[in-house]
C-alpha atoms as a PDB file:
ATOM      1  CA  UNK A   1      37.373  -1.912  19.038  1.00  0.00           C
ATOM      2  CA  UNK A   2      35.854  -2.407  15.156  1.00  0.00           C
ATOM      3  CA  UNK A   3      34.849   0.570  13.058  1.00  0.00           C
ATOM      4  CA  UNK A   4      30.908  -0.193  13.971  1.00  0.00           C
ATOM      5  CA  UNK A   5      31.524  -0.032  17.367  1.00  0.00           C
ATOM      6  CA  UNK A   6      33.402   3.717  17.147  1.00  0.00           C
ATOM      7  CA  UNK A   7      29.913   4.628  14.641  1.00  0.00           C
ATOM      8  CA  UNK A   8      27.656   3.986  17.003  1.00  0.00           C
ATOM      9  CA  UNK A   9      29.666   5.692  19.810  1.00  0.00           C
ATOM     10  CA  UNK A  10      29.743   8.650  17.683  1.00  0.00           C
ATOM     11  CA  UNK A  11      26.610   8.714  16.713  1.00  0.00           C
ATOM     12  CA  UNK A  12      25.277   8.625  20.438  1.00  0.00           C
ATOM     13  CA  UNK A  13      27.486  11.255  21.005  1.00  0.00           C
ATOM     14  CA  UNK A  14      26.277  13.719  18.524  1.00  0.00           C
ATOM     15  CA  UNK A  15      22.922  12.813  19.287  1.00  0.00           C
ATOM     16  CA  UNK A  16      23.078  13.228  23.049  1.00  0.00           C
ATOM     17  CA  UNK A  17      25.322  16.529  23.070  1.00  0.00           C
ATOM     18  CA  UNK A  18      23.741  18.412  19.954  1.00  0.00           C
ATOM     19  CA  UNK A  19      26.640  18.261  17.942  1.00  0.00           C
ATOM     20  CA  UNK A  20      24.427  17.040  14.712  1.00  0.00           C
ATOM     21  CA  UNK A  21      23.194  20.290  14.194  1.00  0.00           C
ATOM     22  CA  UNK A  22      21.291  20.854  16.904  1.00  0.00           C
ATOM     23  CA  UNK A  23      20.784  24.445  18.955  1.00  0.00           C
ATOM     24  CA  UNK A  24      23.500  25.367  21.401  1.00  0.00           C
ATOM     25  CA  UNK A  25      23.896  23.486  24.808  1.00  0.00           C
ATOM     26  CA  UNK A  26      20.535  21.353  23.908  1.00  0.00           C
ATOM     27  CA  UNK A  27      20.876  17.644  23.017  1.00  0.00           C
ATOM     28  CA  UNK A  28      18.630  16.538  20.425  1.00  0.00           C
ATOM     29  CA  UNK A  29      17.591  13.217  22.808  1.00  0.00           C
ATOM     30  CA  UNK A  30      17.703  13.632  26.501  1.00  0.00           C
ATOM     31  CA  UNK A  31      18.738  10.441  28.063  1.00  0.00           C
ATOM     32  CA  UNK A  32      19.347  12.274  31.480  1.00  0.00           C
ATOM     33  CA  UNK A  33      16.679  14.374  32.228  1.00  0.00           C
ATOM     34  CA  UNK A  34      17.861  17.144  34.454  1.00  0.00           C
ATOM     35  CA  UNK A  35      15.937  19.829  36.666  1.00  0.00           C
ATOM     36  CA  UNK A  36      14.626  22.703  34.151  1.00  0.00           C
ATOM     37  CA  UNK A  37      15.593  20.461  30.925  1.00  0.00           C
ATOM     38  CA  UNK A  38      12.440  20.132  28.414  1.00  0.00           C
ATOM     39  CA  UNK A  39      12.179  16.678  28.271  1.00  0.00           C
ATOM     40  CA  UNK A  40       9.894  14.151  28.240  1.00  0.00           C
ATOM     41  CA  UNK A  41       7.194  14.644  30.507  1.00  0.00           C
ATOM     42  CA  UNK A  42       6.462  11.867  32.797  1.00  0.00           C
ATOM     43  CA  UNK A  43       3.316  11.098  31.120  1.00  0.00           C
ATOM     44  CA  UNK A  44       4.447  11.014  27.231  1.00  0.00           C
ATOM     45  CA  UNK A  45       6.862   8.811  29.202  1.00  0.00           C
ATOM     46  CA  UNK A  46       4.494   6.298  30.160  1.00  0.00           C
ATOM     47  CA  UNK A  47       2.485   6.456  27.727  1.00  0.00           C
ATOM     48  CA  UNK A  48       4.998   5.299  25.123  1.00  0.00           C
ATOM     49  CA  UNK A  49       6.437   2.670  27.149  1.00  0.00           C
ATOM     50  CA  UNK A  50       2.989   0.956  28.220  1.00  0.00           C
ATOM     51  CA  UNK A  51       2.021   1.403  24.146  1.00  0.00           C
ATOM     52  CA  UNK A  52       5.110  -0.337  23.153  1.00  0.00           C
ATOM     53  CA  UNK A  53       5.061  -3.207  25.683  1.00  0.00           C
ATOM     54  CA  UNK A  54       1.116  -3.330  24.699  1.00  0.00           C
ATOM     55  CA  UNK A  55       1.796  -3.643  20.687  1.00  0.00           C
ATOM     56  CA  UNK A  56       4.805  -6.066  21.652  1.00  0.00           C
ATOM     57  CA  UNK A  57       2.449  -8.484  23.712  1.00  0.00           C
ATOM     58  CA  UNK A  58      -0.111  -8.508  21.322  1.00  0.00           C
ATOM     59  CA  UNK A  59       1.902  -9.207  18.664  1.00  0.00           C
ATOM     60  CA  UNK A  60       3.480 -12.031  20.161  1.00  0.00           C
ATOM     61  CA  UNK A  61      -0.266 -13.080  20.989  1.00  0.00           C
ATOM     62  CA  UNK A  62      -0.863 -12.970  17.606  1.00  0.00           C
ATOM     63  CA  UNK A  63       2.302 -14.568  16.663  1.00  0.00           C
ATOM     64  CA  UNK A  64       1.262 -17.855  18.799  1.00  0.00           C
ATOM     65  CA  UNK A  65      -2.520 -17.559  17.817  1.00  0.00           C
ATOM     66  CA  UNK A  66      -1.796 -18.069  14.368  1.00  0.00           C
ATOM     67  CA  UNK A  67       0.453 -20.405  14.975  1.00  0.00           C
ATOM     68  CA  UNK A  68      -0.912 -22.946  17.258  1.00  0.00           C
ATOM     69  CA  UNK A  69      -4.184 -22.233  14.669  1.00  0.00           C
ATOM     70  CA  UNK A  70      -2.306 -23.750  11.917  1.00  0.00           C
ATOM     71  CA  UNK A  71      -1.193 -26.395  13.679  1.00  0.00           C
ATOM     72  CA  UNK A  72      -4.081 -28.019  14.348  1.00  0.00           C
ATOM     73  CA  UNK A  73      -5.527 -27.589  10.962  1.00  0.00           C
ATOM     74  CA  UNK A  74      -2.079 -29.590   9.613  1.00  0.00           C
ATOM     75  CA  UNK A  75      -2.832 -31.980  12.423  1.00  0.00           C
ATOM     76  CA  UNK A  76      -6.274 -32.322  11.075  1.00  0.00           C
ATOM     77  CA  UNK A  77      -5.669 -32.415   7.381  1.00  0.00           C
ATOM     78  CA  UNK A  78      -3.154 -35.040   8.108  1.00  0.00           C
ATOM     79  CA  UNK A  79      -4.819 -37.204  10.247  1.00  0.00           C
ATOM     80  CA  UNK A  80      -7.875 -37.013   7.558  1.00  0.00           C
ATOM     81  CA  UNK A  81      -5.116 -38.309   4.749  1.00  0.00           C
ATOM     82  CA  UNK A  82      -4.069 -40.754   6.623  1.00  0.00           C
ATOM     83  CA  UNK A  83      -7.790 -42.198   7.420  1.00  0.00           C
ATOM     84  CA  UNK A  84      -8.468 -41.846   3.921  1.00  0.00           C
ATOM     85  CA  UNK A  85      -4.926 -43.835   3.087  1.00  0.00           C
ATOM     86  CA  UNK A  86      -5.726 -46.915   5.313  1.00  0.00           C
ATOM     87  CA  UNK A  87      -8.857 -47.342   3.483  1.00  0.00           C
ATOM     88  CA  UNK A  88      -7.910 -48.718   0.158  1.00  0.00           C
ATOM     89  CA  UNK A  89      -6.478 -52.296   0.952  1.00  0.00           C
ATOM     90  CA  UNK A  90      -4.851 -52.869  -2.646  1.00  0.00           C
ATOM     91  CA  UNK A  91      -3.155 -50.716  -4.643  1.00  0.00           C
ATOM     92  CA  UNK A  92      -5.655 -50.513  -7.325  1.00  0.00           C
ATOM     93  CA  UNK A  93      -8.045 -49.105  -5.849  1.00  0.00           C
ATOM     94  CA  UNK A  94      -5.465 -46.381  -4.834  1.00  0.00           C
ATOM     95  CA  UNK A  95      -4.667 -46.327  -8.239  1.00  0.00           C
ATOM     96  CA  UNK A  96      -8.310 -45.705  -9.569  1.00  0.00           C
ATOM     97  CA  UNK A  97      -8.597 -43.379  -6.623  1.00  0.00           C
ATOM     98  CA  UNK A  98      -6.288 -40.630  -7.710  1.00  0.00           C
ATOM     99  CA  UNK A  99      -6.699 -41.245 -11.183  1.00  0.00           C
ATOM    100  CA  UNK A 100     -10.777 -40.735 -11.083  1.00  0.00           C
ATOM    101  CA  UNK A 101     -12.691 -37.243 -10.362  1.00  0.00           C
ATOM    102  CA  UNK A 102     -12.351 -37.915  -6.510  1.00  0.00           C
ATOM    103  CA  UNK A 103      -8.862 -38.283  -6.234  1.00  0.00           C
ATOM    104  CA  UNK A 104      -8.388 -34.654  -8.310  1.00  0.00           C
ATOM    105  CA  UNK A 105     -10.868 -32.767  -6.003  1.00  0.00           C
ATOM    106  CA  UNK A 106      -9.130 -34.229  -3.418  1.00  0.00           C
ATOM    107  CA  UNK A 107      -5.299 -33.111  -4.891  1.00  0.00           C
ATOM    108  CA  UNK A 108      -7.305 -29.605  -5.188  1.00  0.00           C
ATOM    109  CA  UNK A 109      -8.292 -29.320  -2.125  1.00  0.00           C
ATOM    110  CA  UNK A 110      -4.666 -30.009  -0.558  1.00  0.00           C
ATOM    111  CA  UNK A 111      -3.763 -27.203  -3.077  1.00  0.00           C
ATOM    112  CA  UNK A 112      -6.295 -24.945  -1.605  1.00  0.00           C
ATOM    113  CA  UNK A 113      -4.862 -25.128   1.799  1.00  0.00           C
ATOM    114  CA  UNK A 114      -1.707 -24.506   1.067  1.00  0.00           C
ATOM    115  CA  UNK A 115      -1.378 -21.933  -1.560  1.00  0.00           C
ATOM    116  CA  UNK A 116      -4.145 -20.148  -1.213  1.00  0.00           C
ATOM    117  CA  UNK A 117      -3.421 -16.407  -2.865  1.00  0.00           C
ATOM    118  CA  UNK A 118      -7.053 -15.040  -2.081  1.00  0.00           C
ATOM    119  CA  UNK A 119      -6.534 -15.172   1.369  1.00  0.00           C
ATOM    120  CA  UNK A 120      -2.608 -14.000   1.177  1.00  0.00           C
ATOM    121  CA  UNK A 121      -3.990 -10.625  -0.640  1.00  0.00           C
ATOM    122  CA  UNK A 122      -6.683 -10.096   1.753  1.00  0.00           C
ATOM    123  CA  UNK A 123      -4.014 -10.369   4.497  1.00  0.00           C
ATOM    124  CA  UNK A 124      -2.000  -7.754   2.746  1.00  0.00           C
ATOM    125  CA  UNK A 125      -4.966  -5.655   2.576  1.00  0.00           C
ATOM    126  CA  UNK A 126      -6.391  -5.907   5.727  1.00  0.00           C
ATOM    127  CA  UNK A 127      -2.867  -5.071   7.249  1.00  0.00           C
ATOM    128  CA  UNK A 128      -2.517  -2.077   5.143  1.00  0.00           C
ATOM    129  CA  UNK A 129      -5.245  -0.469   5.725  1.00  0.00           C
ATOM    130  CA  UNK A 130      -4.802  -0.878   9.769  1.00  0.00           C
ATOM    131  CA  UNK A 131      -1.388   0.627   9.393  1.00  0.00           C
ATOM    132  CA  UNK A 132      -2.359   3.289   7.053  1.00  0.00           C
ATOM    133  CA  UNK A 133      -5.216   4.562   9.268  1.00  0.00           C
ATOM    134  CA  UNK A 134      -3.110   4.119  12.619  1.00  0.00           C
ATOM    135  CA  UNK A 135      -0.431   6.153  11.058  1.00  0.00           C
ATOM    136  CA  UNK A 136      -2.850   8.976   9.987  1.00  0.00           C
ATOM    137  CA  UNK A 137      -4.201   8.457  13.081  1.00  0.00           C
ATOM    138  CA  UNK A 138      -1.039   9.415  14.735  1.00  0.00           C
ATOM    139  CA  UNK A 139      -0.637  12.680  12.606  1.00  0.00           C
ATOM    140  CA  UNK A 140      -3.919  14.386  13.434  1.00  0.00           C
ATOM    141  CA  UNK A 141      -3.043  13.667  17.372  1.00  0.00           C
ATOM    142  CA  UNK A 142       0.277  14.832  16.626  1.00  0.00           C
ATOM    143  CA  UNK A 143      -1.796  18.287  15.673  1.00  0.00           C
ATOM    144  CA  UNK A 144      -3.706  18.899  18.409  1.00  0.00           C
ATOM    145  CA  UNK A 145      -0.314  18.590  21.008  1.00  0.00           C
ATOM    146  CA  UNK A 146       1.313  20.987  22.335  1.00  0.00           C
ATOM    147  CA  UNK A 147       4.386  19.287  23.693  1.00  0.00           C
ATOM    148  CA  UNK A 148       7.013  19.345  20.963  1.00  0.00           C
ATOM    149  CA  UNK A 149       8.518  15.562  21.864  1.00  0.00           C
ATOM    150  CA  UNK A 150       5.531  14.082  21.756  1.00  0.00           C
ATOM    151  CA  UNK A 151       4.448  15.999  18.325  1.00  0.00           C
ATOM    152  CA  UNK A 152       8.557  14.704  17.295  1.00  0.00           C
ATOM    153  CA  UNK A 153       7.487  11.086  18.405  1.00  0.00           C
ATOM    154  CA  UNK A 154       4.147  11.146  17.096  1.00  0.00           C
ATOM    155  CA  UNK A 155       5.604  11.960  13.648  1.00  0.00           C
ATOM    156  CA  UNK A 156       8.246   9.453  13.651  1.00  0.00           C
ATOM    157  CA  UNK A 157       5.777   6.952  14.322  1.00  0.00           C
ATOM    158  CA  UNK A 158       2.660   8.082  12.224  1.00  0.00           C
ATOM    159  CA  UNK A 159       5.212   8.805   8.998  1.00  0.00           C
ATOM    160  CA  UNK A 160       6.580   5.109   9.252  1.00  0.00           C
ATOM    161  CA  UNK A 161       2.753   3.536   9.705  1.00  0.00           C
ATOM    162  CA  UNK A 162       1.762   5.503   6.652  1.00  0.00           C
ATOM    163  CA  UNK A 163       4.861   4.359   4.616  1.00  0.00           C
ATOM    164  CA  UNK A 164       4.240   0.326   5.526  1.00  0.00           C
ATOM    165  CA  UNK A 165       0.326   0.421   5.304  1.00  0.00           C
ATOM    166  CA  UNK A 166       1.003   2.053   1.820  1.00  0.00           C
ATOM    167  CA  UNK A 167       3.921  -0.545   1.163  1.00  0.00           C
ATOM    168  CA  UNK A 168       1.277  -3.364   2.528  1.00  0.00           C
ATOM    169  CA  UNK A 169      -1.846  -2.107  -0.004  1.00  0.00           C
ATOM    170  CA  UNK A 170       0.745  -1.858  -2.882  1.00  0.00           C
ATOM    171  CA  UNK A 171       1.958  -5.101  -2.346  1.00  0.00           C
ATOM    172  CA  UNK A 172      -1.668  -6.192  -2.526  1.00  0.00           C
ATOM    173  CA  UNK A 173      -2.546  -5.168  -5.339  1.00  0.00           C
ATOM    174  CA  UNK A 174       0.346  -6.242  -7.481  1.00  0.00           C
ATOM    175  CA  UNK A 175      -0.217  -9.847  -5.719  1.00  0.00           C
ATOM    176  CA  UNK A 176      -3.635  -9.938  -7.120  1.00  0.00           C
ATOM    177  CA  UNK A 177      -2.449  -8.461 -10.564  1.00  0.00           C
ATOM    178  CA  UNK A 178       0.076 -10.979 -10.881  1.00  0.00           C
ATOM    179  CA  UNK A 179      -2.158 -14.079  -9.500  1.00  0.00           C
ATOM    180  CA  UNK A 180      -4.958 -13.161 -11.661  1.00  0.00           C
ATOM    181  CA  UNK A 181      -2.790 -13.263 -14.866  1.00  0.00           C
ATOM    182  CA  UNK A 182      -1.162 -16.363 -13.779  1.00  0.00           C
ATOM    183  CA  UNK A 183      -4.983 -17.803 -13.084  1.00  0.00           C
ATOM    184  CA  UNK A 184      -4.048 -18.768  -9.484  1.00  0.00           C
ATOM    185  CA  UNK A 185      -7.192 -16.946  -8.637  1.00  0.00           C
ATOM    186  CA  UNK A 186      -9.581 -18.854 -11.148  1.00  0.00           C
ATOM    187  CA  UNK A 187      -7.765 -22.016  -9.892  1.00  0.00           C
ATOM    188  CA  UNK A 188      -8.675 -21.923  -6.868  1.00  0.00           C
ATOM    189  CA  UNK A 189     -12.476 -20.884  -7.110  1.00  0.00           C
ATOM    190  CA  UNK A 190     -14.718 -23.590  -5.643  1.00  0.00           C
ATOM    191  CA  UNK A 191     -16.754 -24.757  -8.242  1.00  0.00           C
ATOM    192  CA  UNK A 192     -20.920 -24.700  -7.203  1.00  0.00           C
END
């Protein structure tokens, strides 16, 4: 048995037996609920399980939908580029197109599709706001709850939600500042 396995077993033992500073004869986490124990109520346990499953399914659907959308957009762009390049019969026509104003706009449009910092910044901003508000709402619900274990679970999910949301907001702000100072936002704005 390696050191990591031993540490994991000792940690689990400490959490379930109350060795890590818990009250005597009361474990920090009740793995097996015995009659008369103050454990997680059936309703709270069901709500936690349903919430976790709903979150996992929603995330999986979002990932699949995003990848399908990106794949279709990439396929359409590749088809358009192939058709455009097939129209040129001679090398001289292709070189004239690429050196002209139309060719420059064509490649700029490809860069905008591939590297759009404004869209990425907005995505980070949206995700940060949603996670921050979710964390705050979990802490508000925690204040209204009477069950101590539900209060702990809401605290353990609300605080990381707030921290991750704040991290996304800070990241979006830093990305905006850097993109602006590097001229990426001005370069990607469309001219009227």
